[in-house]
Amino acid sequence: MDIQKIYFNKFAGAGVYTLQRQHEVCSFNKLLFPPETNLIFGPIDIPCQATVTASTTATNNTGGKGDVSKLTMYQYDMTTACNDVEKYGVWELAKQWLQRNQPAVYSNIRFYKRKVMMLSFADQCAWKGLGNTGCGDGHCMSWHRVPPSYVAEGSWGATSPDMTALFHELGHNIGLNHASRVYSTPGLDTSVYGDVTDPMGSGYPDPTRVKLGPVCFTAPQAYKAGWYSPIDNPDYIDPMLDGVATADFNLWTLQAGKTYTFT
């Protein structure tokens, strides 16, 4: 599995769908995903079951340093569970590996805002990916199941991570929620992932479209992300729409459950 080829443009070739290109296109270059600031490490071998410890140093009353001891942080078992203790236990082991093998990067870890962990042994996890929604000043975390633990839909193949799921979780990191759908039923049933036009819902490209370009966030999500702005001129001609004029539509004139076509 060559992560660079699905992450970065220069390893994938012209016109090939990558996570970097998706950020460039969908955000109009407002949020980038370049290789220089998105470092890849691994594979890292970690145990499926472990007690994760950290070193702590006692301080005596005179200000001197006391004995170094081990503090238990997490006890996890990925063979039987997939809870916070498993996710953050794996993250702590990844940090410790980085501290030993890449000390310069580890010393600046706070400057790398988003941290993505790809798990090939997470069979107990019921999700493709999971991410923090909004991150504040802390680490921006996301976890992803990758082959052989999870095999993505036909869009990506049996050996590749699901790139739309990656984009989805990174969308959570910048504060976006799921793109849901409310049905016109008596109880107004809601499907959490029901918007088929948005990667924050179930807007996944089928295999025939993967190389034609990314599926981007819908206008409300992209507006929340700060990527899109409203068009305040009803006579504006969008050059990307072959000269078709755009304007506002009054929602109260649209009937629920009826399909409309705008040209």
C-alpha atoms as a PDB file:
ATOM      1  CA  MET A   1       0.000   0.000   0.000  1.00  0.00           C
ATOM      2  CA  ASP A   2       1.714   3.168  -1.223  1.00  0.00           C
ATOM      3  CA  ILE A   3       0.147   5.992   0.777  1.00  0.00           C
ATOM      4  CA  GLN A   4       2.079   8.663  -1.130  1.00  0.00           C
ATOM      5  CA  LYS A   5       0.342   7.786  -4.406  1.00  0.00           C
ATOM      6  CA  ILE A   6      -3.101   8.357  -2.965  1.00  0.00           C
ATOM      7  CA  TYR A   7      -2.102  11.328  -0.824  1.00  0.00           C
ATOM      8  CA  PHE A   8       0.057  13.534  -3.032  1.00  0.00           C
ATOM      9  CA  ASN A   9      -0.092  14.793  -6.607  1.00  0.00           C
ATOM     10  CA  LYS A  10       3.582  14.422  -7.497  1.00  0.00           C
ATOM     11  CA  PHE A  11       3.545  10.695  -6.754  1.00  0.00           C
ATOM     12  CA  ALA A  12       0.236  10.005  -8.489  1.00  0.00           C
ATOM     13  CA  GLY A  13       0.668  11.767 -11.807  1.00  0.00           C
ATOM     14  CA  ALA A  14      -1.425  14.368 -13.611  1.00  0.00           C
ATOM     15  CA  GLY A  15      -5.181  14.185 -13.290  1.00  0.00           C
ATOM     16  CA  VAL A  16      -5.255  11.339 -10.774  1.00  0.00           C
ATOM     17  CA  TYR A  17      -7.483  11.693  -7.732  1.00  0.00           C
ATOM     18  CA  THR A  18      -5.463  12.363  -4.561  1.00  0.00           C
ATOM     19  CA  LEU A  19      -6.252  13.741  -1.136  1.00  0.00           C
ATOM     20  CA  GLN A  20      -4.043  16.728  -1.948  1.00  0.00           C
ATOM     21  CA  ARG A  21      -5.935  17.462  -5.167  1.00  0.00           C
ATOM     22  CA  GLN A  22      -9.278  17.093  -3.422  1.00  0.00           C
ATOM     23  CA  HIS A  23      -8.306  19.760  -0.900  1.00  0.00           C
ATOM     24  CA  GLU A  24      -7.030  22.081  -3.637  1.00  0.00           C
ATOM     25  CA  VAL A  25     -10.138  21.751  -5.798  1.00  0.00           C
ATOM     26  CA  CYS A  26     -12.809  21.679  -3.119  1.00  0.00           C
ATOM     27  CA  SER A  27     -11.391  24.492  -0.960  1.00  0.00           C
ATOM     28  CA  PHE A  28     -10.259  26.684  -3.885  1.00  0.00           C
ATOM     29  CA  ASN A  29      -6.751  26.396  -2.418  1.00  0.00           C
ATOM     30  CA  LYS A  30      -7.832  27.711   0.989  1.00  0.00           C
ATOM     31  CA  LEU A  31      -6.846  24.484   2.768  1.00  0.00           C
ATOM     32  CA  LEU A  32      -3.909  22.575   1.310  1.00  0.00           C
ATOM     33  CA  PHE A  33      -2.518  19.099   1.892  1.00  0.00           C
ATOM     34  CA  PRO A  34       1.118  19.260   0.683  1.00  0.00           C
ATOM     35  CA  PRO A  35       3.688  16.527   1.376  1.00  0.00           C
ATOM     36  CA  GLU A  36       6.030  18.985   3.102  1.00  0.00           C
ATOM     37  CA  THR A  37       3.675  19.397   6.082  1.00  0.00           C
ATOM     38  CA  ASN A  38       1.864  16.042   5.953  1.00  0.00           C
ATOM     39  CA  LEU A  39       4.533  13.560   6.936  1.00  0.00           C
ATOM     40  CA  ILE A  40       4.054   9.805   6.635  1.00  0.00           C
ATOM     41  CA  PHE A  41       5.634   7.309   9.040  1.00  0.00           C
ATOM     42  CA  GLY A  42       5.353   3.562   9.174  1.00  0.00           C
ATOM     43  CA  PRO A  43       4.422   0.874   9.090  1.00  0.00           C
ATOM     44  CA  ILE A  44       4.807   0.760  12.856  1.00  0.00           C
ATOM     45  CA  ASP A  45       4.451  -2.605  14.570  1.00  0.00           C
ATOM     46  CA  ILE A  46       2.518  -2.323  17.811  1.00  0.00           C
ATOM     47  CA  PRO A  47       0.904  -5.058  19.903  1.00  0.00           C
ATOM     48  CA  CYS A  48      -2.813  -5.804  19.608  1.00  0.00           C
ATOM     49  CA  GLN A  49      -2.914  -5.945  23.419  1.00  0.00           C
ATOM     50  CA  ALA A  50      -0.770  -3.731  25.623  1.00  0.00           C
ATOM     51  CA  THR A  51      -0.384  -1.748  28.786  1.00  0.00           C
ATOM     52  CA  VAL A  52       0.812   1.670  27.711  1.00  0.00           C
ATOM     53  CA  THR A  53       3.028   3.477  30.180  1.00  0.00           C
ATOM     54  CA  ALA A  54       4.796   6.810  30.332  1.00  0.00           C
ATOM     55  CA  SER A  55       7.841   7.802  32.377  1.00  0.00           C
ATOM     56  CA  THR A  56       7.389  10.196  35.268  1.00  0.00           C
ATOM     57  CA  THR A  57      10.059  11.717  37.511  1.00  0.00           C
ATOM     58  CA  ALA A  58       9.391  12.444  41.177  1.00  0.00           C
ATOM     59  CA  THR A  59      10.715  15.701  42.622  1.00  0.00           C
ATOM     60  CA  ASN A  60      11.880  15.941  46.251  1.00  0.00           C
ATOM     61  CA  ASN A  61      11.469  18.911  48.564  1.00  0.00           C
ATOM     62  CA  THR A  62      14.895  20.344  47.740  1.00  0.00           C
ATOM     63  CA  GLY A  63      14.096  20.652  44.049  1.00  0.00           C
ATOM     64  CA  GLY A  64      16.219  17.706  42.999  1.00  0.00           C
ATOM     65  CA  LYS A  65      15.018  14.944  40.740  1.00  0.00           C
ATOM     66  CA  GLY A  66      13.859  11.717  42.259  1.00  0.00           C
ATOM     67  CA  ASP A  67      13.443   8.239  40.837  1.00  0.00           C
ATOM     68  CA  VAL A  68      12.020   7.663  37.380  1.00  0.00           C
ATOM     69  CA  SER A  69       8.900   5.516  37.489  1.00  0.00           C
ATOM     70  CA  LYS A  70       6.338   4.220  34.999  1.00  0.00           C
ATOM     71  CA  LEU A  71       2.818   5.604  34.970  1.00  0.00           C
ATOM     72  CA  THR A  72       0.109   3.426  33.427  1.00  0.00           C
ATOM     73  CA  MET A  73      -1.870   5.405  30.863  1.00  0.00           C
ATOM     74  CA  TYR A  74      -3.906   2.833  28.922  1.00  0.00           C
ATOM     75  CA  GLN A  75      -4.610  -0.879  29.012  1.00  0.00           C
ATOM     76  CA  TYR A  76      -6.118  -1.838  25.696  1.00  0.00           C
ATOM     77  CA  ASP A  77      -7.058  -4.954  23.742  1.00  0.00           C
ATOM     78  CA  MET A  78      -7.816  -4.438  20.062  1.00  0.00           C
ATOM     79  CA  THR A  79      -8.797  -8.109  19.692  1.00  0.00           C
ATOM     80  CA  THR A  80     -11.901  -7.674  21.846  1.00  0.00           C
ATOM     81  CA  ALA A  81     -12.818  -3.974  21.861  1.00  0.00           C
ATOM     82  CA  CYS A  82     -12.595  -0.647  20.052  1.00  0.00           C
ATOM     83  CA  ASN A  83     -13.179   2.032  22.653  1.00  0.00           C
ATOM     84  CA  ASP A  84     -11.408   5.259  23.532  1.00  0.00           C
ATOM     85  CA  VAL A  85      -8.770   3.352  25.509  1.00  0.00           C
ATOM     86  CA  GLU A  86      -7.876   1.383  22.363  1.00  0.00           C
ATOM     87  CA  LYS A  87      -7.804   4.422  20.063  1.00  0.00           C
ATOM     88  CA  TYR A  88      -5.759   6.601  22.399  1.00  0.00           C
ATOM     89  CA  GLY A  89      -3.542   3.730  23.494  1.00  0.00           C
ATOM     90  CA  VAL A  90      -2.522   3.229  19.877  1.00  0.00           C
ATOM     91  CA  TRP A  91      -1.954   6.966  19.520  1.00  0.00           C
ATOM     92  CA  GLU A  92       0.281   7.031  22.595  1.00  0.00           C
ATOM     93  CA  LEU A  93       2.387   4.143  21.235  1.00  0.00           C
ATOM     94  CA  ALA A  94       2.703   5.956  17.907  1.00  0.00           C
ATOM     95  CA  LYS A  95       3.971   9.049  19.728  1.00  0.00           C
ATOM     96  CA  GLN A  96       6.490   6.978  21.657  1.00  0.00           C
ATOM     97  CA  TRP A  97       7.731   5.423  18.413  1.00  0.00           C
ATOM     98  CA  LEU A  98       8.106   8.904  16.956  1.00  0.00           C
ATOM     99  CA  GLN A  99       9.983  10.088  20.034  1.00  0.00           C
ATOM    100  CA  ARG A 100      12.507   7.252  19.667  1.00  0.00           C
ATOM    101  CA  ASN A 101      12.896   7.236  15.887  1.00  0.00           C
ATOM    102  CA  GLN A 102      12.152  10.819  14.789  1.00  0.00           C
ATOM    103  CA  PRO A 103      13.051  13.017  17.782  1.00  0.00           C
ATOM    104  CA  ALA A 104      13.239  16.214  15.741  1.00  0.00           C
ATOM    105  CA  VAL A 105       9.715  15.724  14.432  1.00  0.00           C
ATOM    106  CA  TYR A 106       8.462  14.680  17.848  1.00  0.00           C
ATOM    107  CA  SER A 107       9.847  17.846  19.436  1.00  0.00           C
ATOM    108  CA  ASN A 108       7.704  19.870  17.018  1.00  0.00           C
ATOM    109  CA  ILE A 109       4.641  17.624  17.060  1.00  0.00           C
ATOM    110  CA  ARG A 110       2.394  20.466  18.227  1.00  0.00           C
ATOM    111  CA  PHE A 111       2.996  22.260  14.914  1.00  0.00           C
ATOM    112  CA  TYR A 112       1.514  19.345  12.948  1.00  0.00           C
ATOM    113  CA  LYS A 113      -2.132  19.964  13.650  1.00  0.00           C
ATOM    114  CA  ARG A 114      -3.815  16.880  12.186  1.00  0.00           C
ATOM    115  CA  LYS A 115      -2.750  13.354  13.059  1.00  0.00           C
ATOM    116  CA  VAL A 116      -4.084  10.441  10.996  1.00  0.00           C
ATOM    117  CA  MET A 117      -3.630   6.849  12.169  1.00  0.00           C
ATOM    118  CA  MET A 118      -4.268   3.975   9.785  1.00  0.00           C
ATOM    119  CA  LEU A 119      -5.108   0.742  11.539  1.00  0.00           C
ATOM    120  CA  SER A 120      -4.695  -2.576   9.755  1.00  0.00           C
ATOM    121  CA  PHE A 121      -5.758  -4.703  12.739  1.00  0.00           C
ATOM    122  CA  ALA A 122      -8.951  -2.987  13.970  1.00  0.00           C
ATOM    123  CA  ASP A 123     -11.526  -5.704  13.230  1.00  0.00           C
ATOM    124  CA  GLN A 124     -13.509  -4.878  16.377  1.00  0.00           C
ATOM    125  CA  CYS A 125     -14.120  -1.310  15.193  1.00  0.00           C
ATOM    126  CA  ALA A 126     -17.540  -0.791  13.630  1.00  0.00           C
ATOM    127  CA  TRP A 127     -16.502   2.202  11.539  1.00  0.00           C
ATOM    128  CA  LYS A 128     -14.430   3.016   8.442  1.00  0.00           C
ATOM    129  CA  GLY A 129     -13.033   6.098  10.106  1.00  0.00           C
ATOM    130  CA  LEU A 130     -13.502   8.218  13.196  1.00  0.00           C
ATOM    131  CA  GLY A 131     -12.350  11.775  13.816  1.00  0.00           C
ATOM    132  CA  ASN A 132     -12.449  14.606  16.322  1.00  0.00           C
ATOM    133  CA  THR A 133     -15.043  17.228  15.404  1.00  0.00           C
ATOM    134  CA  GLY A 134     -13.254  20.512  15.853  1.00  0.00           C
ATOM    135  CA  CYS A 135      -9.918  20.475  17.626  1.00  0.00           C
ATOM    136  CA  GLY A 136      -9.271  23.744  19.425  1.00  0.00           C
ATOM    137  CA  ASP A 137      -5.677  23.966  20.617  1.00  0.00           C
ATOM    138  CA  GLY A 138      -5.167  20.219  21.017  1.00  0.00           C
ATOM    139  CA  HIS A 139      -4.238  17.389  18.689  1.00  0.00           C
ATOM    140  CA  CYS A 140      -6.611  16.905  15.751  1.00  0.00           C
ATOM    141  CA  MET A 141      -7.072  13.137  15.656  1.00  0.00           C
ATOM    142  CA  SER A 142      -8.577  10.696  13.182  1.00  0.00           C
ATOM    143  CA  TRP A 143      -8.387   6.926  12.954  1.00  0.00           C
ATOM    144  CA  HIS A 144      -8.960   4.878   9.797  1.00  0.00           C
ATOM    145  CA  ARG A 145      -9.322   1.173   9.160  1.00  0.00           C
ATOM    146  CA  VAL A 146      -7.274   0.060   6.168  1.00  0.00           C
ATOM    147  CA  PRO A 147      -6.682  -3.312   4.467  1.00  0.00           C
ATOM    148  CA  PRO A 148      -6.766  -6.038   5.546  1.00  0.00           C
ATOM    149  CA  SER A 149      -8.910  -4.861   8.476  1.00  0.00           C
ATOM    150  CA  TYR A 150     -11.271  -2.964   6.182  1.00  0.00           C
ATOM    151  CA  VAL A 151     -11.470  -3.256   2.408  1.00  0.00           C
ATOM    152  CA  ALA A 152     -12.886  -0.144   0.765  1.00  0.00           C
ATOM    153  CA  GLU A 153     -15.637  -0.091  -1.818  1.00  0.00           C
ATOM    154  CA  GLY A 154     -14.762  -0.851  -5.431  1.00  0.00           C
ATOM    155  CA  SER A 155     -13.853   2.785  -5.974  1.00  0.00           C
ATOM    156  CA  TRP A 156     -10.509   2.276  -4.282  1.00  0.00           C
ATOM    157  CA  GLY A 157      -9.550  -1.363  -4.607  1.00  0.00           C
ATOM    158  CA  ALA A 158      -8.628  -4.079  -2.141  1.00  0.00           C
ATOM    159  CA  THR A 159      -5.287  -2.611  -1.052  1.00  0.00           C
ATOM    160  CA  SER A 160      -6.086   1.100  -0.738  1.00  0.00           C
ATOM    161  CA  PRO A 161      -7.525   3.157   2.117  1.00  0.00           C
ATOM    162  CA  ASP A 162     -10.917   4.669   1.418  1.00  0.00           C
ATOM    163  CA  MET A 163      -9.921   8.181   0.364  1.00  0.00           C
ATOM    164  CA  THR A 164     -13.423   9.646   0.645  1.00  0.00           C
ATOM    165  CA  ALA A 165     -13.615   8.359   4.217  1.00  0.00           C
ATOM    166  CA  LEU A 166     -10.301  10.111   4.887  1.00  0.00           C
ATOM    167  CA  PHE A 167     -11.666  13.370   3.470  1.00  0.00           C
ATOM    168  CA  HIS A 168     -14.819  12.864   5.569  1.00  0.00           C
ATOM    169  CA  GLU A 169     -12.870  12.533   8.832  1.00  0.00           C
ATOM    170  CA  LEU A 170     -10.607  15.451   7.986  1.00  0.00           C
ATOM    171  CA  GLY A 171     -13.844  17.397   7.434  1.00  0.00           C
ATOM    172  CA  HIS A 172     -14.798  16.600  11.017  1.00  0.00           C
ATOM    173  CA  ASN A 173     -11.403  17.943  12.111  1.00  0.00           C
ATOM    174  CA  ILE A 174     -12.247  21.374  10.703  1.00  0.00           C
ATOM    175  CA  GLY A 175     -15.596  21.393  12.509  1.00  0.00           C
ATOM    176  CA  LEU A 176     -18.052  19.897  10.011  1.00  0.00           C
ATOM    177  CA  ASN A 177     -20.869  17.594  11.067  1.00  0.00           C
ATOM    178  CA  HIS A 178     -22.540  14.834   9.071  1.00  0.00           C
ATOM    179  CA  ALA A 179     -24.571  15.738   5.990  1.00  0.00           C
ATOM    180  CA  SER A 180     -27.938  14.263   6.897  1.00  0.00           C
ATOM    181  CA  ARG A 181     -31.263  13.865   5.170  1.00  0.00           C
ATOM    182  CA  VAL A 182     -34.731  14.387   6.628  1.00  0.00           C
ATOM    183  CA  TYR A 183     -37.518  12.402   4.978  1.00  0.00           C
ATOM    184  CA  SER A 184     -41.059  13.724   4.544  1.00  0.00           C
ATOM    185  CA  THR A 185     -42.528  11.001   6.730  1.00  0.00           C
ATOM    186  CA  PRO A 186     -44.992  11.640   9.563  1.00  0.00           C
ATOM    187  CA  GLY A 187     -42.140  11.361  12.042  1.00  0.00           C
ATOM    188  CA  LEU A 188     -39.644  13.250   9.850  1.00  0.00           C
ATOM    189  CA  ASP A 189     -37.238  10.323   9.876  1.00  0.00           C
ATOM    190  CA  THR A 190     -33.587  11.297   9.573  1.00  0.00           C
ATOM    191  CA  SER A 191     -30.699   9.471   7.941  1.00  0.00           C
ATOM    192  CA  VAL A 192     -27.458  10.691   9.535  1.00  0.00           C
ATOM    193  CA  TYR A 193     -25.420  10.011   6.372  1.00  0.00           C
ATOM    194  CA  GLY A 194     -28.337  10.521   4.006  1.00  0.00           C
ATOM    195  CA  ASP A 195     -27.025  13.329   1.783  1.00  0.00           C
ATOM    196  CA  VAL A 196     -25.713  11.461  -1.253  1.00  0.00           C
ATOM    197  CA  THR A 197     -24.181  14.625  -2.722  1.00  0.00           C
ATOM    198  CA  ASP A 198     -21.762  15.341   0.133  1.00  0.00           C
ATOM    199  CA  PRO A 199     -18.698  13.424   1.452  1.00  0.00           C
ATOM    200  CA  MET A 200     -19.880  14.317   4.963  1.00  0.00           C
ATOM    201  CA  GLY A 201     -22.901  12.148   4.179  1.00  0.00           C
ATOM    202  CA  SER A 202     -22.736   9.299   1.683  1.00  0.00           C
ATOM    203  CA  GLY A 203     -21.417  11.273  -1.301  1.00  0.00           C
ATOM    204  CA  TYR A 204     -18.888   8.731  -2.494  1.00  0.00           C
ATOM    205  CA  PRO A 205     -17.721   8.637  -6.127  1.00  0.00           C
ATOM    206  CA  ASP A 206     -18.440   5.390  -7.939  1.00  0.00           C
ATOM    207  CA  PRO A 207     -15.549   3.546  -9.645  1.00  0.00           C
ATOM    208  CA  THR A 208     -16.203   5.228 -13.011  1.00  0.00           C
ATOM    209  CA  ARG A 209     -15.804   8.716 -11.541  1.00  0.00           C
ATOM    210  CA  VAL A 210     -12.775   8.430  -9.302  1.00  0.00           C
ATOM    211  CA  LYS A 211     -10.319   9.775 -11.864  1.00  0.00           C
ATOM    212  CA  LEU A 212     -12.727  12.404 -13.197  1.00  0.00           C
ATOM    213  CA  GLY A 213     -12.456  14.562 -10.106  1.00  0.00           C
ATOM    214  CA  PRO A 214     -13.322  14.699  -6.420  1.00  0.00           C
ATOM    215  CA  VAL A 215     -16.747  14.931  -4.829  1.00  0.00           C
ATOM    216  CA  CYS A 216     -16.740  18.137  -2.767  1.00  0.00           C
ATOM    217  CA  PHE A 217     -18.742  19.382   0.196  1.00  0.00           C
ATOM    218  CA  THR A 218     -22.145  20.878  -0.498  1.00  0.00           C
ATOM    219  CA  ALA A 219     -22.517  24.649  -0.311  1.00  0.00           C
ATOM    220  CA  PRO A 220     -23.699  24.824   3.353  1.00  0.00           C
ATOM    221  CA  GLN A 221     -20.821  22.637   4.551  1.00  0.00           C
ATOM    222  CA  ALA A 222     -18.231  24.485   2.455  1.00  0.00           C
ATOM    223  CA  TYR A 223     -19.622  27.817   3.687  1.00  0.00           C
ATOM    224  CA  LYS A 224     -19.186  26.654   7.289  1.00  0.00           C
ATOM    225  CA  ALA A 225     -15.622  25.598   6.477  1.00  0.00           C
ATOM    226  CA  GLY A 226     -14.905  29.082   5.127  1.00  0.00           C
ATOM    227  CA  TRP A 227     -14.309  27.788   1.612  1.00  0.00           C
ATOM    228  CA  TYR A 228     -17.366  29.210  -0.170  1.00  0.00           C
ATOM    229  CA  SER A 229     -19.082  32.590  -0.057  1.00  0.00           C
ATOM    230  CA  PRO A 230     -22.654  33.538  -1.002  1.00  0.00           C
ATOM    231  CA  ILE A 231     -23.248  35.156  -4.391  1.00  0.00           C
ATOM    232  CA  ASP A 232     -25.044  38.408  -3.636  1.00  0.00           C
ATOM    233  CA  ASN A 233     -25.546  39.497  -7.236  1.00  0.00           C
ATOM    234  CA  PRO A 234     -28.544  37.805  -8.923  1.00  0.00           C
ATOM    235  CA  ASP A 235     -27.227  38.878 -12.349  1.00  0.00           C
ATOM    236  CA  TYR A 236     -23.863  37.175 -11.804  1.00  0.00           C
ATOM    237  CA  ILE A 237     -22.795  34.930 -14.681  1.00  0.00           C
ATOM    238  CA  ASP A 238     -20.800  31.930 -13.497  1.00  0.00           C
ATOM    239  CA  PRO A 239     -18.049  31.192 -16.045  1.00  0.00           C
ATOM    240  CA  MET A 240     -17.911  27.597 -14.803  1.00  0.00           C
ATOM    241  CA  LEU A 241     -21.567  27.079 -15.777  1.00  0.00           C
ATOM    242  CA  ASP A 242     -21.216  28.027 -19.459  1.00  0.00           C
ATOM    243  CA  GLY A 243     -22.716  31.445 -18.997  1.00  0.00           C
ATOM    244  CA  VAL A 244     -25.800  30.378 -17.018  1.00  0.00           C
ATOM    245  CA  ALA A 245     -27.079  33.108 -14.728  1.00  0.00           C
ATOM    246  CA  THR A 246     -27.390  32.290 -11.025  1.00  0.00           C
ATOM    247  CA  ALA A 247     -29.877  33.688  -8.558  1.00  0.00           C
ATOM    248  CA  ASP A 248     -31.538  33.051  -5.219  1.00  0.00           C
ATOM    249  CA  PHE A 249     -34.509  30.687  -4.935  1.00  0.00           C
ATOM    250  CA  ASN A 250     -37.266  31.300  -2.411  1.00  0.00           C
ATOM    251  CA  LEU A 251     -37.615  28.061  -0.453  1.00  0.00           C
ATOM    252  CA  TRP A 252     -41.251  28.757   0.426  1.00  0.00           C
ATOM    253  CA  THR A 253     -42.184  28.394  -3.262  1.00  0.00           C
ATOM    254  CA  LEU A 254     -40.789  24.824  -3.441  1.00  0.00           C
ATOM    255  CA  GLN A 255     -43.110  21.950  -2.608  1.00  0.00           C
ATOM    256  CA  ALA A 256     -41.837  19.123  -0.421  1.00  0.00           C
ATOM    257  CA  GLY A 257     -41.393  15.820  -2.218  1.00  0.00           C
ATOM    258  CA  LYS A 258     -41.472  17.349  -5.715  1.00  0.00           C
ATOM    259  CA  THR A 259     -38.463  17.237  -8.048  1.00  0.00           C
ATOM    260  CA  TYR A 260     -37.426  20.523  -9.655  1.00  0.00           C
ATOM    261  CA  THR A 261     -34.939  21.051 -12.478  1.00  0.00           C
ATOM    262  CA  PHE A 262     -33.073  24.344 -12.745  1.00  0.00           C
ATOM    263  CA  THR A 263     -31.296  25.367 -15.923  1.00  0.00           C
END
